[in-house]
């Protein structure tokens, strides 16, 4: 279903307001989801909005808090997320460590128990555009099988890196799984098969059925090396935050459990003039000979940025089922009825 950015924004904000989300927090949450949609990352876009709202209405997410933090060490800021909205808690923490890093050169935020962060590139680009480096790590419920295994034991455990550069920052955002679970959900919502090798079903058998993959496990990217990185990131995050690990992680996919995962943000102050040097190097990469004529070399982030620039001038496409849910949640009478009766909304 093709829609304008304006009508999607209006309905989505109405849905968040009806769920009791403060205006500024609603704007922050929607900005994250809409940015993913505009960049062509539908797996982390508006299909997640109904679940965000359902979690709020079920009482497992508190849309009004920014969490509670304390400087455990001069450059280490530890935050209890208190089940706040992921981007709201994260941006508050990032603002504090960004300020500290300007004095110390580096600062770390270790967050435990806030809701889903969404697309990590959103945070990385914001910080990089302000002239600082950001490294972001988060973990999820067990969705990935270990190398040589068949059962989900690890999270997708993505990493994002944002580095200032002229004219555009370098932004890398990648999971340590072959794909994100959000991408599998996107295929399932559109009844589109997933490629071979992405996942196994609940019995450990390779599958191209997206719905079966939702109940199975995703493969690690890059075989044993991707498995090692994913495990390393999960252990690093848990060590800094005290969060749950592996199959004990809850609340990143369902609507019934408080989120008990961890997130880590590291902000670093770059050397002066590095942005110009890095920008020149990225231009040299793009200008290097292509392996296939007509398919030029890209730098991570180029494709998504190009997609966003074109989307802002045009329209975005949502699955009809997702748009119907958002419209339903935006209706005042339905929202008031749900608040009074505690009726659950089915977000798939």
C-alpha atoms as a PDB file:
ATOM      1  CA  UNK A   1       0.000   0.000   0.000  1.00  0.00           C
ATOM      2  CA  UNK A   2       1.526   3.314  -1.143  1.00  0.00           C
ATOM      3  CA  UNK A   3       1.167   6.211   1.316  1.00  0.00           C
ATOM      4  CA  UNK A   4       2.537   9.699   1.798  1.00  0.00           C
ATOM      5  CA  UNK A   5       5.004  10.371   4.585  1.00  0.00           C
ATOM      6  CA  UNK A   6       2.593  12.962   5.974  1.00  0.00           C
ATOM      7  CA  UNK A   7      -0.387  10.637   6.367  1.00  0.00           C
ATOM      8  CA  UNK A   8       1.750   7.886   7.884  1.00  0.00           C
ATOM      9  CA  UNK A   9       3.202  10.406  10.347  1.00  0.00           C
ATOM     10  CA  UNK A  10      -0.217  11.759  11.357  1.00  0.00           C
ATOM     11  CA  UNK A  11      -1.754   8.338  12.010  1.00  0.00           C
ATOM     12  CA  UNK A  12       1.314   6.950  13.756  1.00  0.00           C
ATOM     13  CA  UNK A  13       1.592   9.906  16.123  1.00  0.00           C
ATOM     14  CA  UNK A  14      -2.117   9.631  16.888  1.00  0.00           C
ATOM     15  CA  UNK A  15      -1.672   5.946  17.720  1.00  0.00           C
ATOM     16  CA  UNK A  16       1.215   6.706  20.077  1.00  0.00           C
ATOM     17  CA  UNK A  17      -0.663   9.543  21.773  1.00  0.00           C
ATOM     18  CA  UNK A  18      -3.679   7.312  22.264  1.00  0.00           C
ATOM     19  CA  UNK A  19      -1.424   4.808  24.026  1.00  0.00           C
ATOM     20  CA  UNK A  20      -0.388   7.501  26.502  1.00  0.00           C
ATOM     21  CA  UNK A  21       3.035   8.321  25.070  1.00  0.00           C
ATOM     22  CA  UNK A  22       4.198  11.874  25.927  1.00  0.00           C
ATOM     23  CA  UNK A  23       4.442  14.077  22.844  1.00  0.00           C
ATOM     24  CA  UNK A  24       8.226  14.407  22.759  1.00  0.00           C
ATOM     25  CA  UNK A  25       8.705  10.687  23.342  1.00  0.00           C
ATOM     26  CA  UNK A  26       6.160   9.898  20.614  1.00  0.00           C
ATOM     27  CA  UNK A  27       8.083  12.106  18.194  1.00  0.00           C
ATOM     28  CA  UNK A  28      11.338  10.341  19.088  1.00  0.00           C
ATOM     29  CA  UNK A  29       9.909   6.839  18.706  1.00  0.00           C
ATOM     30  CA  UNK A  30       8.283   7.661  15.377  1.00  0.00           C
ATOM     31  CA  UNK A  31      11.400   9.409  14.062  1.00  0.00           C
ATOM     32  CA  UNK A  32      13.339   6.179  14.552  1.00  0.00           C
ATOM     33  CA  UNK A  33      10.732   3.954  12.887  1.00  0.00           C
ATOM     34  CA  UNK A  34      10.100   6.352  10.016  1.00  0.00           C
ATOM     35  CA  UNK A  35      13.820   6.754   9.325  1.00  0.00           C
ATOM     36  CA  UNK A  36      14.129   2.980   8.983  1.00  0.00           C
ATOM     37  CA  UNK A  37      11.155   2.934   6.618  1.00  0.00           C
ATOM     38  CA  UNK A  38      12.562   5.741   4.477  1.00  0.00           C
ATOM     39  CA  UNK A  39      15.930   3.989   4.271  1.00  0.00           C
ATOM     40  CA  UNK A  40      14.287   0.835   2.961  1.00  0.00           C
ATOM     41  CA  UNK A  41      14.866  -1.080   6.206  1.00  0.00           C
ATOM     42  CA  UNK A  42      11.242  -2.179   6.540  1.00  0.00           C
ATOM     43  CA  UNK A  43      12.205  -4.882   9.039  1.00  0.00           C
ATOM     44  CA  UNK A  44      12.904  -2.123  11.590  1.00  0.00           C
ATOM     45  CA  UNK A  45      10.247   0.288  10.397  1.00  0.00           C
ATOM     46  CA  UNK A  46       6.577   0.859  11.056  1.00  0.00           C
ATOM     47  CA  UNK A  47       5.697  -2.830  11.197  1.00  0.00           C
ATOM     48  CA  UNK A  48       7.135  -2.605  14.736  1.00  0.00           C
ATOM     49  CA  UNK A  49       4.809   0.209  15.837  1.00  0.00           C
ATOM     50  CA  UNK A  50       1.792  -1.983  16.714  1.00  0.00           C
ATOM     51  CA  UNK A  51       3.970  -4.113  18.972  1.00  0.00           C
ATOM     52  CA  UNK A  52       5.445  -1.038  20.675  1.00  0.00           C
ATOM     53  CA  UNK A  53       1.926   0.143  21.460  1.00  0.00           C
ATOM     54  CA  UNK A  54       0.773  -3.288  22.550  1.00  0.00           C
ATOM     55  CA  UNK A  55       3.695  -3.515  24.972  1.00  0.00           C
ATOM     56  CA  UNK A  56       2.736  -0.147  26.444  1.00  0.00           C
ATOM     57  CA  UNK A  57      -0.891  -1.186  26.879  1.00  0.00           C
ATOM     58  CA  UNK A  58       0.165  -4.463  28.455  1.00  0.00           C
ATOM     59  CA  UNK A  59       2.190  -2.557  31.043  1.00  0.00           C
ATOM     60  CA  UNK A  60       5.587  -3.999  30.105  1.00  0.00           C
ATOM     61  CA  UNK A  61       6.884  -0.733  28.599  1.00  0.00           C
ATOM     62  CA  UNK A  62       6.738   2.651  30.355  1.00  0.00           C
ATOM     63  CA  UNK A  63       6.578   5.405  27.711  1.00  0.00           C
ATOM     64  CA  UNK A  64       7.157   8.206  30.210  1.00  0.00           C
ATOM     65  CA  UNK A  65      10.577   7.321  31.629  1.00  0.00           C
ATOM     66  CA  UNK A  66      14.114   8.017  30.441  1.00  0.00           C
ATOM     67  CA  UNK A  67      15.542   5.525  32.926  1.00  0.00           C
ATOM     68  CA  UNK A  68      17.824   6.264  35.859  1.00  0.00           C
ATOM     69  CA  UNK A  69      21.560   6.612  35.398  1.00  0.00           C
ATOM     70  CA  UNK A  70      24.649   7.015  37.544  1.00  0.00           C
ATOM     71  CA  UNK A  71      28.290   7.685  36.716  1.00  0.00           C
ATOM     72  CA  UNK A  72      29.865   4.478  38.037  1.00  0.00           C
ATOM     73  CA  UNK A  73      33.295   5.712  36.902  1.00  0.00           C
ATOM     74  CA  UNK A  74      34.484   8.945  35.262  1.00  0.00           C
ATOM     75  CA  UNK A  75      33.778   7.563  31.773  1.00  0.00           C
ATOM     76  CA  UNK A  76      31.220   4.829  32.525  1.00  0.00           C
ATOM     77  CA  UNK A  77      27.540   5.748  32.796  1.00  0.00           C
ATOM     78  CA  UNK A  78      25.274   2.895  33.942  1.00  0.00           C
ATOM     79  CA  UNK A  79      21.527   3.162  33.346  1.00  0.00           C
ATOM     80  CA  UNK A  80      18.568   1.192  34.601  1.00  0.00           C
ATOM     81  CA  UNK A  81      16.209   1.545  31.655  1.00  0.00           C
ATOM     82  CA  UNK A  82      13.101   0.985  33.802  1.00  0.00           C
ATOM     83  CA  UNK A  83      11.393  -0.461  30.720  1.00  0.00           C
ATOM     84  CA  UNK A  84      11.311   2.878  28.912  1.00  0.00           C
ATOM     85  CA  UNK A  85      11.045   3.264  25.147  1.00  0.00           C
ATOM     86  CA  UNK A  86      14.366   2.225  23.625  1.00  0.00           C
ATOM     87  CA  UNK A  87      15.155   5.358  21.604  1.00  0.00           C
ATOM     88  CA  UNK A  88      14.044   7.668  24.421  1.00  0.00           C
ATOM     89  CA  UNK A  89      16.292   6.045  27.036  1.00  0.00           C
ATOM     90  CA  UNK A  90      19.159   5.645  24.570  1.00  0.00           C
ATOM     91  CA  UNK A  91      19.180   9.248  23.319  1.00  0.00           C
ATOM     92  CA  UNK A  92      19.185  10.559  26.880  1.00  0.00           C
ATOM     93  CA  UNK A  93      22.166   8.328  27.709  1.00  0.00           C
ATOM     94  CA  UNK A  94      24.001   9.227  24.496  1.00  0.00           C
ATOM     95  CA  UNK A  95      23.612  12.944  25.211  1.00  0.00           C
ATOM     96  CA  UNK A  96      25.296  12.490  28.588  1.00  0.00           C
ATOM     97  CA  UNK A  97      28.227  10.414  27.351  1.00  0.00           C
ATOM     98  CA  UNK A  98      28.721  12.646  24.298  1.00  0.00           C
ATOM     99  CA  UNK A  99      29.209  15.608  26.600  1.00  0.00           C
ATOM    100  CA  UNK A 100      31.568  13.638  28.841  1.00  0.00           C
ATOM    101  CA  UNK A 101      33.601  12.335  25.881  1.00  0.00           C
ATOM    102  CA  UNK A 102      34.385  15.888  24.775  1.00  0.00           C
ATOM    103  CA  UNK A 103      36.389  16.212  28.000  1.00  0.00           C
ATOM    104  CA  UNK A 104      37.722  12.675  28.480  1.00  0.00           C
ATOM    105  CA  UNK A 105      38.055  11.444  24.885  1.00  0.00           C
ATOM    106  CA  UNK A 106      35.812   8.428  25.454  1.00  0.00           C
ATOM    107  CA  UNK A 107      32.677   7.608  27.446  1.00  0.00           C
ATOM    108  CA  UNK A 108      30.507   4.506  27.697  1.00  0.00           C
ATOM    109  CA  UNK A 109      26.801   4.070  28.428  1.00  0.00           C
ATOM    110  CA  UNK A 110      25.702   0.642  29.672  1.00  0.00           C
ATOM    111  CA  UNK A 111      21.907   0.284  29.663  1.00  0.00           C
ATOM    112  CA  UNK A 112      19.913  -2.544  31.181  1.00  0.00           C
ATOM    113  CA  UNK A 113      16.204  -3.113  30.739  1.00  0.00           C
ATOM    114  CA  UNK A 114      14.962  -0.552  28.220  1.00  0.00           C
ATOM    115  CA  UNK A 115      12.750  -1.523  25.298  1.00  0.00           C
ATOM    116  CA  UNK A 116      13.844  -2.340  21.733  1.00  0.00           C
ATOM    117  CA  UNK A 117      16.375   0.129  20.302  1.00  0.00           C
ATOM    118  CA  UNK A 118      15.364  -0.326  16.671  1.00  0.00           C
ATOM    119  CA  UNK A 119      17.753   0.545  13.835  1.00  0.00           C
ATOM    120  CA  UNK A 120      21.182   1.264  15.317  1.00  0.00           C
ATOM    121  CA  UNK A 121      22.266   3.300  12.280  1.00  0.00           C
ATOM    122  CA  UNK A 122      19.883   6.042  13.434  1.00  0.00           C
ATOM    123  CA  UNK A 123      21.980   6.611  16.553  1.00  0.00           C
ATOM    124  CA  UNK A 124      25.325   6.206  14.799  1.00  0.00           C
ATOM    125  CA  UNK A 125      24.537   8.798  12.146  1.00  0.00           C
ATOM    126  CA  UNK A 126      23.174  11.330  14.663  1.00  0.00           C
ATOM    127  CA  UNK A 127      26.366  11.216  16.714  1.00  0.00           C
ATOM    128  CA  UNK A 128      28.675  11.180  13.684  1.00  0.00           C
ATOM    129  CA  UNK A 129      26.959  14.262  12.258  1.00  0.00           C
ATOM    130  CA  UNK A 130      27.718  16.000  15.561  1.00  0.00           C
ATOM    131  CA  UNK A 131      31.418  15.278  15.060  1.00  0.00           C
ATOM    132  CA  UNK A 132      31.934  12.252  17.301  1.00  0.00           C
ATOM    133  CA  UNK A 133      32.415   8.514  16.777  1.00  0.00           C
ATOM    134  CA  UNK A 134      29.758   6.116  18.047  1.00  0.00           C
ATOM    135  CA  UNK A 135      29.931   2.359  18.532  1.00  0.00           C
ATOM    136  CA  UNK A 136      26.590   0.779  19.447  1.00  0.00           C
ATOM    137  CA  UNK A 137      25.926  -2.793  20.573  1.00  0.00           C
ATOM    138  CA  UNK A 138      22.701  -4.483  21.604  1.00  0.00           C
ATOM    139  CA  UNK A 139      21.517  -8.034  22.212  1.00  0.00           C
ATOM    140  CA  UNK A 140      18.202  -9.744  21.594  1.00  0.00           C
ATOM    141  CA  UNK A 141      16.274 -12.831  22.514  1.00  0.00           C
ATOM    142  CA  UNK A 142      17.887 -16.083  21.376  1.00  0.00           C
ATOM    143  CA  UNK A 143      17.255 -16.200  17.627  1.00  0.00           C
ATOM    144  CA  UNK A 144      20.552 -17.464  16.177  1.00  0.00           C
ATOM    145  CA  UNK A 145      21.926 -20.987  16.265  1.00  0.00           C
ATOM    146  CA  UNK A 146      25.612 -21.443  17.135  1.00  0.00           C
ATOM    147  CA  UNK A 147      27.925 -22.533  14.330  1.00  0.00           C
ATOM    148  CA  UNK A 148      27.387 -26.272  14.004  1.00  0.00           C
ATOM    149  CA  UNK A 149      24.156 -26.148  16.041  1.00  0.00           C
ATOM    150  CA  UNK A 150      20.451 -26.156  15.189  1.00  0.00           C
ATOM    151  CA  UNK A 151      18.767 -24.462  18.177  1.00  0.00           C
ATOM    152  CA  UNK A 152      18.499 -20.706  18.791  1.00  0.00           C
ATOM    153  CA  UNK A 153      20.991 -19.858  21.555  1.00  0.00           C
ATOM    154  CA  UNK A 154      22.255 -16.332  20.766  1.00  0.00           C
ATOM    155  CA  UNK A 155      20.762 -12.971  19.886  1.00  0.00           C
ATOM    156  CA  UNK A 156      21.157 -11.310  16.498  1.00  0.00           C
ATOM    157  CA  UNK A 157      23.528  -8.976  18.384  1.00  0.00           C
ATOM    158  CA  UNK A 158      24.042  -6.123  15.902  1.00  0.00           C
ATOM    159  CA  UNK A 159      26.772  -3.517  15.911  1.00  0.00           C
ATOM    160  CA  UNK A 160      26.692  -0.008  14.466  1.00  0.00           C
ATOM    161  CA  UNK A 161      29.638   2.311  13.898  1.00  0.00           C
ATOM    162  CA  UNK A 162      29.329   5.964  12.981  1.00  0.00           C
ATOM    163  CA  UNK A 163      32.432   7.975  12.033  1.00  0.00           C
ATOM    164  CA  UNK A 164      32.424  11.667  11.040  1.00  0.00           C
ATOM    165  CA  UNK A 165      33.397  12.283   7.418  1.00  0.00           C
ATOM    166  CA  UNK A 166      32.997  14.988   4.774  1.00  0.00           C
ATOM    167  CA  UNK A 167      30.503  15.359   3.212  1.00  0.00           C
ATOM    168  CA  UNK A 168      28.612  12.389   4.719  1.00  0.00           C
ATOM    169  CA  UNK A 169      29.533  10.251   7.741  1.00  0.00           C
ATOM    170  CA  UNK A 170      30.497   6.609   7.538  1.00  0.00           C
ATOM    171  CA  UNK A 171      27.691   4.482   9.008  1.00  0.00           C
ATOM    172  CA  UNK A 172      27.863   0.715   9.385  1.00  0.00           C
ATOM    173  CA  UNK A 173      24.897  -1.177  10.853  1.00  0.00           C
ATOM    174  CA  UNK A 174      24.940  -4.960  10.734  1.00  0.00           C
ATOM    175  CA  UNK A 175      23.661  -7.915  12.695  1.00  0.00           C
ATOM    176  CA  UNK A 176      25.918 -10.843  13.507  1.00  0.00           C
ATOM    177  CA  UNK A 177      23.140 -13.085  12.235  1.00  0.00           C
ATOM    178  CA  UNK A 178      22.777 -13.661   8.514  1.00  0.00           C
ATOM    179  CA  UNK A 179      19.628 -11.494   8.635  1.00  0.00           C
ATOM    180  CA  UNK A 180      17.518  -9.839  11.332  1.00  0.00           C
ATOM    181  CA  UNK A 181      14.371 -11.501  12.652  1.00  0.00           C
ATOM    182  CA  UNK A 182      12.561  -8.339  11.593  1.00  0.00           C
ATOM    183  CA  UNK A 183      13.421  -9.137   7.974  1.00  0.00           C
ATOM    184  CA  UNK A 184      11.977 -12.623   8.375  1.00  0.00           C
ATOM    185  CA  UNK A 185       8.807 -11.119   9.886  1.00  0.00           C
ATOM    186  CA  UNK A 186       8.647  -8.740   6.922  1.00  0.00           C
ATOM    187  CA  UNK A 187       8.791 -11.689   4.502  1.00  0.00           C
ATOM    188  CA  UNK A 188       6.143 -13.525   6.528  1.00  0.00           C
ATOM    189  CA  UNK A 189       3.829 -10.490   6.502  1.00  0.00           C
ATOM    190  CA  UNK A 190       4.138 -10.311   2.711  1.00  0.00           C
ATOM    191  CA  UNK A 191       3.909 -14.115   2.288  1.00  0.00           C
ATOM    192  CA  UNK A 192       7.268 -14.111   0.489  1.00  0.00           C
ATOM    193  CA  UNK A 193       9.699 -17.066   0.851  1.00  0.00           C
ATOM    194  CA  UNK A 194      13.078 -16.393   2.433  1.00  0.00           C
ATOM    195  CA  UNK A 195      16.286 -17.346   0.590  1.00  0.00           C
ATOM    196  CA  UNK A 196      17.914 -20.698   1.254  1.00  0.00           C
ATOM    197  CA  UNK A 197      20.445 -20.667   4.054  1.00  0.00           C
ATOM    198  CA  UNK A 198      18.810 -17.908   6.090  1.00  0.00           C
ATOM    199  CA  UNK A 199      17.218 -20.084   8.761  1.00  0.00           C
ATOM    200  CA  UNK A 200      16.107 -23.467  10.061  1.00  0.00           C
ATOM    201  CA  UNK A 201      12.665 -24.446  11.362  1.00  0.00           C
ATOM    202  CA  UNK A 202      11.866 -25.516  14.926  1.00  0.00           C
ATOM    203  CA  UNK A 203      13.152 -29.006  14.142  1.00  0.00           C
ATOM    204  CA  UNK A 204      16.511 -27.686  12.928  1.00  0.00           C
ATOM    205  CA  UNK A 205      15.776 -28.313   9.238  1.00  0.00           C
ATOM    206  CA  UNK A 206      16.707 -25.703   6.603  1.00  0.00           C
ATOM    207  CA  UNK A 207      13.611 -23.808   5.457  1.00  0.00           C
ATOM    208  CA  UNK A 208      12.514 -21.115   3.010  1.00  0.00           C
ATOM    209  CA  UNK A 209       9.152 -20.691   4.791  1.00  0.00           C
ATOM    210  CA  UNK A 210       9.313 -17.370   6.653  1.00  0.00           C
ATOM    211  CA  UNK A 211       6.561 -18.383   9.075  1.00  0.00           C
ATOM    212  CA  UNK A 212       8.392 -21.596   9.957  1.00  0.00           C
ATOM    213  CA  UNK A 213      11.633 -19.652  10.375  1.00  0.00           C
ATOM    214  CA  UNK A 214       9.960 -17.414  12.973  1.00  0.00           C
ATOM    215  CA  UNK A 215       9.759 -20.477  15.230  1.00  0.00           C
ATOM    216  CA  UNK A 216      13.208 -21.806  14.357  1.00  0.00           C
ATOM    217  CA  UNK A 217      16.662 -20.219  14.304  1.00  0.00           C
ATOM    218  CA  UNK A 218      18.619 -17.846  12.068  1.00  0.00           C
ATOM    219  CA  UNK A 219      22.085 -18.733  10.789  1.00  0.00           C
ATOM    220  CA  UNK A 220      25.095 -16.674  11.947  1.00  0.00           C
ATOM    221  CA  UNK A 221      26.689 -14.619   9.185  1.00  0.00           C
ATOM    222  CA  UNK A 222      30.100 -15.703   7.964  1.00  0.00           C
ATOM    223  CA  UNK A 223      29.971 -19.117   9.572  1.00  0.00           C
ATOM    224  CA  UNK A 224      32.223 -19.639  12.581  1.00  0.00           C
ATOM    225  CA  UNK A 225      33.589 -16.069  12.441  1.00  0.00           C
ATOM    226  CA  UNK A 226      30.151 -14.476  12.616  1.00  0.00           C
ATOM    227  CA  UNK A 227      29.217 -16.839  15.421  1.00  0.00           C
ATOM    228  CA  UNK A 228      32.336 -15.793  17.311  1.00  0.00           C
ATOM    229  CA  UNK A 229      31.610 -12.090  16.870  1.00  0.00           C
ATOM    230  CA  UNK A 230      27.978 -12.490  17.934  1.00  0.00           C
ATOM    231  CA  UNK A 231      28.999 -14.409  21.034  1.00  0.00           C
ATOM    232  CA  UNK A 232      31.717 -11.876  21.839  1.00  0.00           C
ATOM    233  CA  UNK A 233      29.295  -8.943  21.556  1.00  0.00           C
ATOM    234  CA  UNK A 234      26.724 -10.674  23.753  1.00  0.00           C
ATOM    235  CA  UNK A 235      29.294 -11.381  26.453  1.00  0.00           C
ATOM    236  CA  UNK A 236      30.660  -7.831  26.276  1.00  0.00           C
ATOM    237  CA  UNK A 237      27.203  -6.284  26.670  1.00  0.00           C
ATOM    238  CA  UNK A 238      26.196  -8.622  29.485  1.00  0.00           C
ATOM    239  CA  UNK A 239      29.483  -7.989  31.306  1.00  0.00           C
ATOM    240  CA  UNK A 240      28.965  -4.215  31.258  1.00  0.00           C
ATOM    241  CA  UNK A 241      25.221  -4.142  31.935  1.00  0.00           C
ATOM    242  CA  UNK A 242      24.461  -7.239  34.007  1.00  0.00           C
ATOM    243  CA  UNK A 243      21.759  -8.186  31.510  1.00  0.00           C
ATOM    244  CA  UNK A 244      20.393 -11.634  30.766  1.00  0.00           C
ATOM    245  CA  UNK A 245      22.103 -13.917  28.246  1.00  0.00           C
ATOM    246  CA  UNK A 246      20.997 -16.292  25.511  1.00  0.00           C
ATOM    247  CA  UNK A 247      17.692 -18.058  26.067  1.00  0.00           C
ATOM    248  CA  UNK A 248      17.059 -16.064  29.259  1.00  0.00           C
ATOM    249  CA  UNK A 249      16.639 -12.795  27.326  1.00  0.00           C
ATOM    250  CA  UNK A 250      13.001 -11.675  27.100  1.00  0.00           C
ATOM    251  CA  UNK A 251      10.924  -8.826  25.755  1.00  0.00           C
ATOM    252  CA  UNK A 252      12.580  -7.951  22.441  1.00  0.00           C
ATOM    253  CA  UNK A 253       9.969  -9.752  20.337  1.00  0.00           C
ATOM    254  CA  UNK A 254       6.912 -10.509  22.467  1.00  0.00           C
ATOM    255  CA  UNK A 255       4.348  -8.232  24.091  1.00  0.00           C
ATOM    256  CA  UNK A 256       4.050  -9.906  27.481  1.00  0.00           C
ATOM    257  CA  UNK A 257       7.480  -9.666  29.136  1.00  0.00           C
ATOM    258  CA  UNK A 258       9.548  -6.795  30.462  1.00  0.00           C
ATOM    259  CA  UNK A 259      12.710  -6.359  28.412  1.00  0.00           C
ATOM    260  CA  UNK A 260      15.806  -7.630  30.235  1.00  0.00           C
ATOM    261  CA  UNK A 261      18.444  -7.255  27.517  1.00  0.00           C
ATOM    262  CA  UNK A 262      21.430  -4.919  27.564  1.00  0.00           C
ATOM    263  CA  UNK A 263      22.699  -2.139  25.291  1.00  0.00           C
ATOM    264  CA  UNK A 264      26.094  -0.456  25.118  1.00  0.00           C
ATOM    265  CA  UNK A 265      27.015   2.855  23.487  1.00  0.00           C
ATOM    266  CA  UNK A 266      30.595   4.097  23.225  1.00  0.00           C
ATOM    267  CA  UNK A 267      31.310   7.685  22.164  1.00  0.00           C
ATOM    268  CA  UNK A 268      34.830   8.714  21.178  1.00  0.00           C
ATOM    269  CA  UNK A 269      36.300  12.090  20.290  1.00  0.00           C
ATOM    270  CA  UNK A 270      38.087  11.914  16.900  1.00  0.00           C
ATOM    271  CA  UNK A 271      41.316  13.643  15.983  1.00  0.00           C
ATOM    272  CA  UNK A 272      40.972  17.053  14.353  1.00  0.00           C
ATOM    273  CA  UNK A 273      40.808  17.023  10.549  1.00  0.00           C
ATOM    274  CA  UNK A 274      40.067  13.275  10.492  1.00  0.00           C
ATOM    275  CA  UNK A 275      36.647  13.850   8.911  1.00  0.00           C
ATOM    276  CA  UNK A 276      38.231  15.320   5.770  1.00  0.00           C
ATOM    277  CA  UNK A 277      40.781  12.502   5.500  1.00  0.00           C
ATOM    278  CA  UNK A 278      38.139   9.810   5.971  1.00  0.00           C
ATOM    279  CA  UNK A 279      35.835  11.469   3.450  1.00  0.00           C
ATOM    280  CA  UNK A 280      38.615  11.481   0.858  1.00  0.00           C
ATOM    281  CA  UNK A 281      39.358   7.811   1.501  1.00  0.00           C
ATOM    282  CA  UNK A 282      35.695   6.835   1.119  1.00  0.00           C
ATOM    283  CA  UNK A 283      35.578   8.749  -2.175  1.00  0.00           C
ATOM    284  CA  UNK A 284      38.653   6.792  -3.299  1.00  0.00           C
ATOM    285  CA  UNK A 285      36.877   3.542  -2.451  1.00  0.00           C
ATOM    286  CA  UNK A 286      33.834   4.564  -4.487  1.00  0.00           C
ATOM    287  CA  UNK A 287      36.057   5.539  -7.421  1.00  0.00           C
ATOM    288  CA  UNK A 288      38.024   2.282  -7.368  1.00  0.00           C
ATOM    289  CA  UNK A 289      37.484  -0.156 -10.273  1.00  0.00           C
ATOM    290  CA  UNK A 290      34.249  -2.120 -10.048  1.00  0.00           C
ATOM    291  CA  UNK A 291      34.206  -5.882 -10.476  1.00  0.00           C
ATOM    292  CA  UNK A 292      31.096  -5.538 -12.654  1.00  0.00           C
ATOM    293  CA  UNK A 293      30.542  -2.614 -15.055  1.00  0.00           C
ATOM    294  CA  UNK A 294      27.540  -0.541 -14.043  1.00  0.00           C
ATOM    295  CA  UNK A 295      27.717  -1.748 -10.439  1.00  0.00           C
ATOM    296  CA  UNK A 296      30.014   0.760  -8.721  1.00  0.00           C
ATOM    297  CA  UNK A 297      31.778   0.216  -5.422  1.00  0.00           C
ATOM    298  CA  UNK A 298      29.769   1.478  -2.463  1.00  0.00           C
ATOM    299  CA  UNK A 299      30.596   2.339   1.125  1.00  0.00           C
ATOM    300  CA  UNK A 300      28.329   1.009   3.906  1.00  0.00           C
ATOM    301  CA  UNK A 301      25.368   3.339   4.288  1.00  0.00           C
ATOM    302  CA  UNK A 302      25.373   4.613   0.680  1.00  0.00           C
ATOM    303  CA  UNK A 303      22.428   2.524  -0.500  1.00  0.00           C
ATOM    304  CA  UNK A 304      20.226   3.345   2.511  1.00  0.00           C
ATOM    305  CA  UNK A 305      21.041   7.058   2.295  1.00  0.00           C
ATOM    306  CA  UNK A 306      20.178   7.108  -1.411  1.00  0.00           C
ATOM    307  CA  UNK A 307      16.910   5.312  -0.704  1.00  0.00           C
ATOM    308  CA  UNK A 308      16.052   7.821   2.011  1.00  0.00           C
ATOM    309  CA  UNK A 309      16.728  10.828  -0.219  1.00  0.00           C
ATOM    310  CA  UNK A 310      14.397   9.465  -2.907  1.00  0.00           C
ATOM    311  CA  UNK A 311      11.722   8.401  -0.385  1.00  0.00           C
ATOM    312  CA  UNK A 312      11.488  11.896   1.089  1.00  0.00           C
ATOM    313  CA  UNK A 313      10.461  13.200  -2.316  1.00  0.00           C
ATOM    314  CA  UNK A 314       7.993  10.411  -2.997  1.00  0.00           C
ATOM    315  CA  UNK A 315       5.945   7.958  -0.947  1.00  0.00           C
ATOM    316  CA  UNK A 316       6.494   4.892   1.185  1.00  0.00           C
ATOM    317  CA  UNK A 317       4.973   1.443   0.958  1.00  0.00           C
ATOM    318  CA  UNK A 318       3.468  -0.417   3.921  1.00  0.00           C
ATOM    319  CA  UNK A 319       1.923  -3.855   4.115  1.00  0.00           C
ATOM    320  CA  UNK A 320      -1.889  -3.417   4.206  1.00  0.00           C
ATOM    321  CA  UNK A 321      -2.113  -5.361   7.481  1.00  0.00           C
ATOM    322  CA  UNK A 322       0.402  -3.047   9.179  1.00  0.00           C
ATOM    323  CA  UNK A 323      -1.340   0.103   7.946  1.00  0.00           C
ATOM    324  CA  UNK A 324      -4.711  -1.254   9.085  1.00  0.00           C
ATOM    325  CA  UNK A 325      -3.329  -1.844  12.591  1.00  0.00           C
ATOM    326  CA  UNK A 326      -1.875   1.664  12.782  1.00  0.00           C
ATOM    327  CA  UNK A 327      -5.148   3.223  11.636  1.00  0.00           C
ATOM    328  CA  UNK A 328      -7.073   1.140  14.152  1.00  0.00           C
ATOM    329  CA  UNK A 329      -4.795   2.234  16.988  1.00  0.00           C
ATOM    330  CA  UNK A 330      -5.088   5.876  15.906  1.00  0.00           C
ATOM    331  CA  UNK A 331      -8.857   5.953  16.422  1.00  0.00           C
ATOM    332  CA  UNK A 332      -9.745   7.643  19.703  1.00  0.00           C
ATOM    333  CA  UNK A 333     -12.764   5.491  20.423  1.00  0.00           C
ATOM    334  CA  UNK A 334     -10.804   2.255  19.946  1.00  0.00           C
ATOM    335  CA  UNK A 335      -7.894   3.519  22.038  1.00  0.00           C
ATOM    336  CA  UNK A 336     -10.163   4.594  24.887  1.00  0.00           C
ATOM    337  CA  UNK A 337     -11.991   1.278  24.773  1.00  0.00           C
ATOM    338  CA  UNK A 338      -8.732  -0.668  24.952  1.00  0.00           C
ATOM    339  CA  UNK A 339      -7.482   1.458  27.848  1.00  0.00           C
ATOM    340  CA  UNK A 340     -10.607   0.755  29.844  1.00  0.00           C
ATOM    341  CA  UNK A 341     -11.026  -2.917  29.096  1.00  0.00           C
ATOM    342  CA  UNK A 342      -7.380  -3.954  28.804  1.00  0.00           C
ATOM    343  CA  UNK A 343      -8.150  -5.583  25.439  1.00  0.00           C
ATOM    344  CA  UNK A 344      -5.029  -6.829  23.722  1.00  0.00           C
ATOM    345  CA  UNK A 345      -4.250  -5.854  20.165  1.00  0.00           C
ATOM    346  CA  UNK A 346      -2.776  -8.586  18.012  1.00  0.00           C
ATOM    347  CA  UNK A 347       0.534  -7.330  16.637  1.00  0.00           C
ATOM    348  CA  UNK A 348       2.192  -9.904  14.416  1.00  0.00           C
END
